[in-house]
Amino acid sequence: MKINVAWVSPSQRTVLATFDKAWELADLLVAADLMHAMIKTVSHNVSIILWHRVPPHPMFSRLLTDIYKRQPDNTRRVVVVPQRWSTGLVFISAWNNVVERLYPHKTKITIVKTIEEALKLCEEPTPATV
């Protein structure tokens, strides 16, 4: 799979989606469906980390709106770790502000610089494999 989806720890409180290889929109839809299915299997709140180790697909933000609308109610937070901290984040941040206004009842999206920051926000220990 081009987007690896797994629980961060046995507590099943954070799902990590790692974008390791060039991916297509269909790969993102499969990964999102898997994350949502995993989250629905537990009754407690769950955080999602989207870790981009490769550049995002140009249509990423358009598809995210649909995925955002379908997230399970027990989604606690979504944290995005971009491949590079760049001017492209201005666009992502602007998109995020619009989506949060359209869907105020949904989880807020936070953008951080490193996977370590994301794990800390989600209250998860940093795995040795990061």
N, C-alpha and C. Protein backbone atom coordinates (compact mmCIF):
# COMPACT_ATOMS: atom_id res chain seq x y z
N MET A 1 0.84 -1.18 0.00
CA MET A 1 0.00 0.00 0.00
C MET A 1 0.89 1.25 0.00
N LYS A 2 0.49 2.26 -0.74
CA LYS A 2 1.30 3.47 -0.83
C LYS A 2 1.12 4.38 0.38
N ILE A 3 -0.01 4.21 1.07
CA ILE A 3 -0.27 4.94 2.31
C ILE A 3 -0.47 3.89 3.40
N ASN A 4 0.48 3.81 4.32
CA ASN A 4 0.42 2.82 5.38
C ASN A 4 -0.45 3.35 6.52
N VAL A 5 -1.43 2.58 6.95
CA VAL A 5 -2.34 2.97 8.03
C VAL A 5 -2.22 1.96 9.16
N ALA A 6 -1.96 2.46 10.38
CA ALA A 6 -1.81 1.57 11.53
C ALA A 6 -2.07 2.33 12.82
N TRP A 7 -2.43 1.58 13.86
CA TRP A 7 -2.51 2.17 15.20
C TRP A 7 -1.10 2.51 15.64
N VAL A 8 -0.92 3.61 16.36
CA VAL A 8 0.40 4.00 16.86
C VAL A 8 0.81 3.09 18.01
N SER A 9 -0.17 2.74 18.87
CA SER A 9 0.14 1.92 20.04
C SER A 9 -1.04 1.02 20.35
N PRO A 10 -0.84 0.03 21.22
CA PRO A 10 -1.93 -0.89 21.58
C PRO A 10 -3.15 -0.20 22.22
N SER A 11 -2.98 1.02 22.71
CA SER A 11 -4.11 1.73 23.33
C SER A 11 -5.17 2.11 22.29
N GLN A 12 -4.82 2.05 21.02
CA GLN A 12 -5.71 2.39 19.90
C GLN A 12 -6.34 3.77 20.08
N ARG A 13 -5.49 4.74 20.42
CA ARG A 13 -5.96 6.12 20.59
C ARG A 13 -5.50 7.04 19.46
N THR A 14 -4.57 6.55 18.61
CA THR A 14 -4.09 7.34 17.49
C THR A 14 -3.86 6.43 16.28
N VAL A 15 -4.40 6.86 15.14
CA VAL A 15 -4.15 6.17 13.87
C VAL A 15 -3.14 7.01 13.10
N LEU A 16 -2.10 6.35 12.60
CA LEU A 16 -1.06 7.02 11.83
C LEU A 16 -1.15 6.58 10.37
N ALA A 17 -1.33 7.56 9.48
CA ALA A 17 -1.29 7.30 8.04
C ALA A 17 0.02 7.87 7.52
N THR A 18 0.90 7.00 7.06
CA THR A 18 2.21 7.42 6.56
C THR A 18 2.21 7.35 5.04
N PHE A 19 2.43 8.50 4.42
CA PHE A 19 2.47 8.61 2.97
C PHE A 19 3.93 8.44 2.56
N ASP A 20 4.34 7.19 2.24
CA ASP A 20 5.74 6.87 1.96
C ASP A 20 6.10 6.90 0.49
N LYS A 21 5.13 6.66 -0.37
CA LYS A 21 5.40 6.56 -1.80
C LYS A 21 4.45 7.49 -2.55
N ALA A 22 4.80 7.79 -3.81
CA ALA A 22 3.88 8.59 -4.63
C ALA A 22 2.54 7.86 -4.66
N TRP A 23 1.47 8.61 -4.44
CA TRP A 23 0.15 7.98 -4.32
C TRP A 23 -0.85 8.71 -5.20
N GLU A 24 -1.94 8.02 -5.46
CA GLU A 24 -3.03 8.56 -6.28
C GLU A 24 -4.23 8.82 -5.38
N LEU A 25 -5.22 9.51 -5.91
CA LEU A 25 -6.41 9.82 -5.12
C LEU A 25 -7.12 8.56 -4.64
N ALA A 26 -7.13 7.52 -5.45
CA ALA A 26 -7.76 6.26 -5.05
C ALA A 26 -7.08 5.68 -3.81
N ASP A 27 -5.76 5.83 -3.72
CA ASP A 27 -5.02 5.34 -2.54
C ASP A 27 -5.47 6.09 -1.29
N LEU A 28 -5.69 7.40 -1.42
CA LEU A 28 -6.14 8.19 -0.27
C LEU A 28 -7.54 7.77 0.17
N LEU A 29 -8.42 7.51 -0.78
CA LEU A 29 -9.77 7.07 -0.43
C LEU A 29 -9.76 5.74 0.32
N VAL A 30 -8.93 4.81 -0.14
CA VAL A 30 -8.81 3.51 0.53
C VAL A 30 -8.26 3.71 1.95
N ALA A 31 -7.23 4.53 2.09
CA ALA A 31 -6.63 4.80 3.40
C ALA A 31 -7.64 5.47 4.33
N ALA A 32 -8.40 6.43 3.82
CA ALA A 32 -9.40 7.13 4.64
C ALA A 32 -10.48 6.16 5.10
N ASP A 33 -10.96 5.32 4.19
CA ASP A 33 -11.98 4.34 4.57
C ASP A 33 -11.45 3.39 5.65
N LEU A 34 -10.19 2.98 5.52
CA LEU A 34 -9.58 2.11 6.52
C LEU A 34 -9.46 2.82 7.87
N MET A 35 -8.98 4.07 7.87
CA MET A 35 -8.87 4.83 9.12
C MET A 35 -10.23 4.98 9.78
N HIS A 36 -11.24 5.33 9.01
CA HIS A 36 -12.57 5.52 9.57
C HIS A 36 -13.11 4.21 10.14
N ALA A 37 -12.89 3.10 9.43
CA ALA A 37 -13.34 1.80 9.93
C ALA A 37 -12.64 1.44 11.24
N MET A 38 -11.34 1.71 11.32
CA MET A 38 -10.59 1.43 12.55
C MET A 38 -11.14 2.26 13.71
N ILE A 39 -11.38 3.52 13.47
CA ILE A 39 -11.87 4.42 14.52
C ILE A 39 -13.24 3.97 15.02
N LYS A 40 -14.08 3.49 14.11
CA LYS A 40 -15.42 3.06 14.49
C LYS A 40 -15.43 1.79 15.34
N THR A 41 -14.29 1.07 15.39
CA THR A 41 -14.24 -0.17 16.18
C THR A 41 -14.04 0.08 17.66
N VAL A 42 -13.74 1.31 18.05
CA VAL A 42 -13.52 1.63 19.46
C VAL A 42 -14.52 2.69 19.91
N SER A 43 -14.79 2.72 21.21
CA SER A 43 -15.78 3.67 21.73
C SER A 43 -15.14 4.98 22.19
N HIS A 44 -13.81 4.97 22.43
CA HIS A 44 -13.15 6.19 22.89
C HIS A 44 -12.75 7.08 21.70
N ASN A 45 -12.36 8.31 22.01
CA ASN A 45 -11.91 9.25 20.98
C ASN A 45 -10.55 8.82 20.42
N VAL A 46 -10.37 9.08 19.13
CA VAL A 46 -9.15 8.68 18.43
C VAL A 46 -8.62 9.87 17.63
N SER A 47 -7.31 10.05 17.67
CA SER A 47 -6.64 11.08 16.87
C SER A 47 -6.12 10.45 15.58
N ILE A 48 -5.97 11.28 14.56
CA ILE A 48 -5.41 10.85 13.28
C ILE A 48 -4.19 11.71 12.99
N ILE A 49 -3.09 11.05 12.61
CA ILE A 49 -1.90 11.76 12.14
C ILE A 49 -1.70 11.41 10.68
N LEU A 50 -1.60 12.44 9.83
CA LEU A 50 -1.29 12.27 8.41
C LEU A 50 0.15 12.73 8.20
N TRP A 51 1.05 11.77 8.04
CA TRP A 51 2.48 12.06 7.94
C TRP A 51 2.93 11.95 6.48
N HIS A 52 3.17 13.10 5.85
CA HIS A 52 3.56 13.14 4.44
C HIS A 52 5.08 13.09 4.33
N ARG A 53 5.58 11.93 3.96
CA ARG A 53 7.01 11.78 3.73
C ARG A 53 7.35 12.00 2.26
N VAL A 54 6.32 12.14 1.44
CA VAL A 54 6.45 12.47 0.02
C VAL A 54 5.50 13.64 -0.24
N PRO A 55 5.68 14.38 -1.34
CA PRO A 55 4.78 15.51 -1.61
C PRO A 55 3.33 15.04 -1.77
N PRO A 56 2.38 15.87 -1.33
CA PRO A 56 0.98 15.48 -1.50
C PRO A 56 0.53 15.57 -2.96
N HIS A 57 -0.48 14.82 -3.29
CA HIS A 57 -1.08 14.87 -4.62
C HIS A 57 -1.66 16.27 -4.84
N PRO A 58 -1.60 16.81 -6.05
CA PRO A 58 -2.14 18.16 -6.29
C PRO A 58 -3.62 18.32 -5.92
N MET A 59 -4.38 17.26 -5.97
CA MET A 59 -5.81 17.32 -5.66
C MET A 59 -6.12 16.95 -4.21
N PHE A 60 -5.09 16.83 -3.39
CA PHE A 60 -5.24 16.39 -2.00
C PHE A 60 -6.29 17.19 -1.24
N SER A 61 -6.23 18.51 -1.32
CA SER A 61 -7.12 19.34 -0.51
C SER A 61 -8.58 19.20 -0.93
N ARG A 62 -8.83 19.01 -2.22
CA ARG A 62 -10.22 18.83 -2.67
C ARG A 62 -10.82 17.56 -2.10
N LEU A 63 -10.06 16.51 -2.11
CA LEU A 63 -10.56 15.23 -1.60
C LEU A 63 -10.69 15.25 -0.09
N LEU A 64 -9.83 15.99 0.57
CA LEU A 64 -9.88 16.06 2.03
C LEU A 64 -11.21 16.59 2.55
N THR A 65 -11.84 17.50 1.81
CA THR A 65 -13.12 18.04 2.24
C THR A 65 -14.14 16.92 2.38
N ASP A 66 -14.21 16.03 1.40
CA ASP A 66 -15.15 14.92 1.45
C ASP A 66 -14.80 13.96 2.59
N ILE A 67 -13.52 13.67 2.75
CA ILE A 67 -13.08 12.77 3.82
C ILE A 67 -13.39 13.40 5.18
N TYR A 68 -13.17 14.68 5.29
CA TYR A 68 -13.42 15.42 6.53
C TYR A 68 -14.88 15.31 6.93
N LYS A 69 -15.79 15.44 5.97
CA LYS A 69 -17.22 15.36 6.26
C LYS A 69 -17.61 13.98 6.77
N ARG A 70 -16.93 12.92 6.32
CA ARG A 70 -17.29 11.55 6.66
C ARG A 70 -16.60 11.00 7.91
N GLN A 71 -15.75 11.79 8.56
CA GLN A 71 -15.00 11.27 9.70
C GLN A 71 -15.95 10.84 10.82
N PRO A 72 -15.61 9.76 11.52
CA PRO A 72 -16.45 9.29 12.62
C PRO A 72 -16.57 10.33 13.73
N ASP A 73 -17.66 10.27 14.46
CA ASP A 73 -17.91 11.23 15.54
C ASP A 73 -16.86 11.17 16.64
N ASN A 74 -16.24 10.01 16.83
CA ASN A 74 -15.24 9.90 17.90
C ASN A 74 -13.82 10.24 17.43
N THR A 75 -13.71 10.98 16.32
CA THR A 75 -12.41 11.49 15.89
C THR A 75 -12.07 12.68 16.77
N ARG A 76 -10.97 12.57 17.51
CA ARG A 76 -10.58 13.61 18.47
C ARG A 76 -9.89 14.79 17.81
N ARG A 77 -8.89 14.49 16.99
CA ARG A 77 -8.15 15.54 16.30
C ARG A 77 -7.48 14.93 15.07
N VAL A 78 -7.16 15.81 14.12
CA VAL A 78 -6.41 15.42 12.93
C VAL A 78 -5.16 16.30 12.90
N VAL A 79 -4.01 15.65 12.80
CA VAL A 79 -2.74 16.37 12.78
C VAL A 79 -2.04 16.04 11.45
N VAL A 80 -1.63 17.08 10.74
CA VAL A 80 -0.93 16.91 9.46
C VAL A 80 0.53 17.27 9.65
N VAL A 81 1.41 16.36 9.21
CA VAL A 81 2.86 16.61 9.21
C VAL A 81 3.28 16.66 7.74
N PRO A 82 3.51 17.88 7.21
CA PRO A 82 3.86 17.99 5.80
C PRO A 82 5.29 17.53 5.53
N GLN A 83 5.56 17.22 4.25
CA GLN A 83 6.91 16.81 3.87
C GLN A 83 7.90 17.94 4.11
N ARG A 84 7.50 19.14 3.73
CA ARG A 84 8.35 20.31 3.92
C ARG A 84 7.50 21.41 4.53
N TRP A 85 8.10 22.18 5.38
CA TRP A 85 7.43 23.35 5.93
C TRP A 85 7.66 24.46 4.91
N SER A 86 6.66 24.72 4.09
CA SER A 86 6.87 25.64 2.98
C SER A 86 5.68 26.58 2.81
N THR A 87 5.76 27.38 1.76
CA THR A 87 4.68 28.32 1.48
C THR A 87 3.39 27.60 1.10
N GLY A 88 3.48 26.35 0.67
CA GLY A 88 2.29 25.57 0.37
C GLY A 88 1.39 25.41 1.58
N LEU A 89 1.99 25.53 2.76
CA LEU A 89 1.19 25.41 3.97
C LEU A 89 0.25 26.57 4.17
N VAL A 90 0.56 27.70 3.55
CA VAL A 90 -0.35 28.84 3.62
C VAL A 90 -1.68 28.44 2.99
N PHE A 91 -1.61 27.76 1.85
CA PHE A 91 -2.82 27.30 1.18
C PHE A 91 -3.57 26.28 2.04
N ILE A 92 -2.85 25.30 2.59
CA ILE A 92 -3.47 24.28 3.43
C ILE A 92 -4.14 24.92 4.63
N SER A 93 -3.47 25.88 5.25
CA SER A 93 -4.04 26.56 6.41
C SER A 93 -5.30 27.34 6.03
N ALA A 94 -5.27 28.00 4.89
CA ALA A 94 -6.45 28.75 4.43
C ALA A 94 -7.60 27.80 4.16
N TRP A 95 -7.32 26.68 3.49
CA TRP A 95 -8.34 25.67 3.22
C TRP A 95 -8.92 25.16 4.53
N ASN A 96 -8.05 24.90 5.48
CA ASN A 96 -8.47 24.39 6.79
C ASN A 96 -9.43 25.36 7.47
N ASN A 97 -9.13 26.65 7.42
CA ASN A 97 -10.00 27.65 8.04
C ASN A 97 -11.38 27.66 7.41
N VAL A 98 -11.46 27.52 6.09
CA VAL A 98 -12.74 27.50 5.40
C VAL A 98 -13.53 26.25 5.80
N VAL A 99 -12.88 25.10 5.77
CA VAL A 99 -13.56 23.85 6.11
C VAL A 99 -14.05 23.86 7.56
N GLU A 100 -13.25 24.39 8.46
CA GLU A 100 -13.67 24.45 9.85
C GLU A 100 -14.89 25.35 10.03
N ARG A 101 -15.01 26.39 9.23
CA ARG A 101 -16.21 27.24 9.30
C ARG A 101 -17.43 26.53 8.73
N LEU A 102 -17.22 25.75 7.66
CA LEU A 102 -18.33 25.02 7.04
C LEU A 102 -18.83 23.87 7.91
N TYR A 103 -17.91 23.24 8.63
CA TYR A 103 -18.24 22.07 9.46
C TYR A 103 -17.72 22.29 10.88
N PRO A 104 -18.32 23.22 11.62
CA PRO A 104 -17.80 23.55 12.96
C PRO A 104 -17.91 22.40 13.96
N HIS A 105 -18.79 21.44 13.70
CA HIS A 105 -18.96 20.31 14.61
C HIS A 105 -17.91 19.22 14.40
N LYS A 106 -17.12 19.34 13.37
CA LYS A 106 -16.09 18.33 13.08
C LYS A 106 -14.79 18.68 13.78
N THR A 107 -13.89 17.74 13.78
CA THR A 107 -12.59 17.87 14.42
C THR A 107 -11.73 18.93 13.74
N LYS A 108 -11.02 19.68 14.53
CA LYS A 108 -10.09 20.68 13.99
C LYS A 108 -8.84 19.98 13.45
N ILE A 109 -8.24 20.61 12.45
CA ILE A 109 -7.00 20.09 11.87
C ILE A 109 -5.85 20.96 12.34
N THR A 110 -4.78 20.32 12.81
CA THR A 110 -3.59 21.02 13.26
C THR A 110 -2.44 20.64 12.34
N ILE A 111 -1.63 21.61 11.96
CA ILE A 111 -0.47 21.36 11.11
C ILE A 111 0.77 21.59 11.96
N VAL A 112 1.65 20.58 12.00
CA VAL A 112 2.89 20.68 12.77
C VAL A 112 4.08 20.38 11.87
N LYS A 113 5.28 20.68 12.37
CA LYS A 113 6.49 20.51 11.55
C LYS A 113 7.07 19.10 11.59
N THR A 114 6.91 18.39 12.70
CA THR A 114 7.58 17.09 12.84
C THR A 114 6.62 16.02 13.36
N ILE A 115 6.98 14.78 13.10
CA ILE A 115 6.19 13.65 13.61
C ILE A 115 6.23 13.63 15.14
N GLU A 116 7.35 14.05 15.71
CA GLU A 116 7.45 14.09 17.17
C GLU A 116 6.43 15.06 17.77
N GLU A 117 6.26 16.21 17.13
CA GLU A 117 5.24 17.18 17.59
C GLU A 117 3.85 16.57 17.48
N ALA A 118 3.59 15.88 16.39
CA ALA A 118 2.28 15.26 16.19
C ALA A 118 2.00 14.22 17.27
N LEU A 119 2.97 13.38 17.54
CA LEU A 119 2.79 12.35 18.56
C LEU A 119 2.56 12.96 19.94
N LYS A 120 3.29 14.03 20.23
CA LYS A 120 3.12 14.70 21.51
C LYS A 120 1.71 15.29 21.63
N LEU A 121 1.24 15.93 20.57
CA LEU A 121 -0.12 16.49 20.57
C LEU A 121 -1.16 15.40 20.81
N CYS A 122 -0.91 14.23 20.26
CA CYS A 122 -1.85 13.11 20.39
C CYS A 122 -1.58 12.29 21.65
N GLU A 123 -0.63 12.76 22.44
CA GLU A 123 -0.29 12.10 23.71
C GLU A 123 0.18 10.66 23.51
N GLU A 124 0.99 10.46 22.47
CA GLU A 124 1.55 9.15 22.18
C GLU A 124 3.06 9.19 22.34
N PRO A 125 3.64 8.11 22.83
CA PRO A 125 5.12 8.06 22.89
C PRO A 125 5.68 7.94 21.48
N THR A 126 6.88 8.44 21.29
CA THR A 126 7.54 8.33 19.98
C THR A 126 8.06 6.91 19.81
N PRO A 127 7.54 6.18 18.79
CA PRO A 127 8.04 4.82 18.58
C PRO A 127 9.50 4.83 18.13
N ALA A 128 10.20 3.76 18.41
CA ALA A 128 11.61 3.66 18.05
C ALA A 128 11.79 3.66 16.53
N THR A 129 10.75 3.32 15.77
CA THR A 129 10.86 3.21 14.32
C THR A 129 10.66 4.53 13.61
N VAL A 130 10.35 5.62 14.31
CA VAL A 130 10.11 6.92 13.66
C VAL A 130 11.41 7.54 13.25
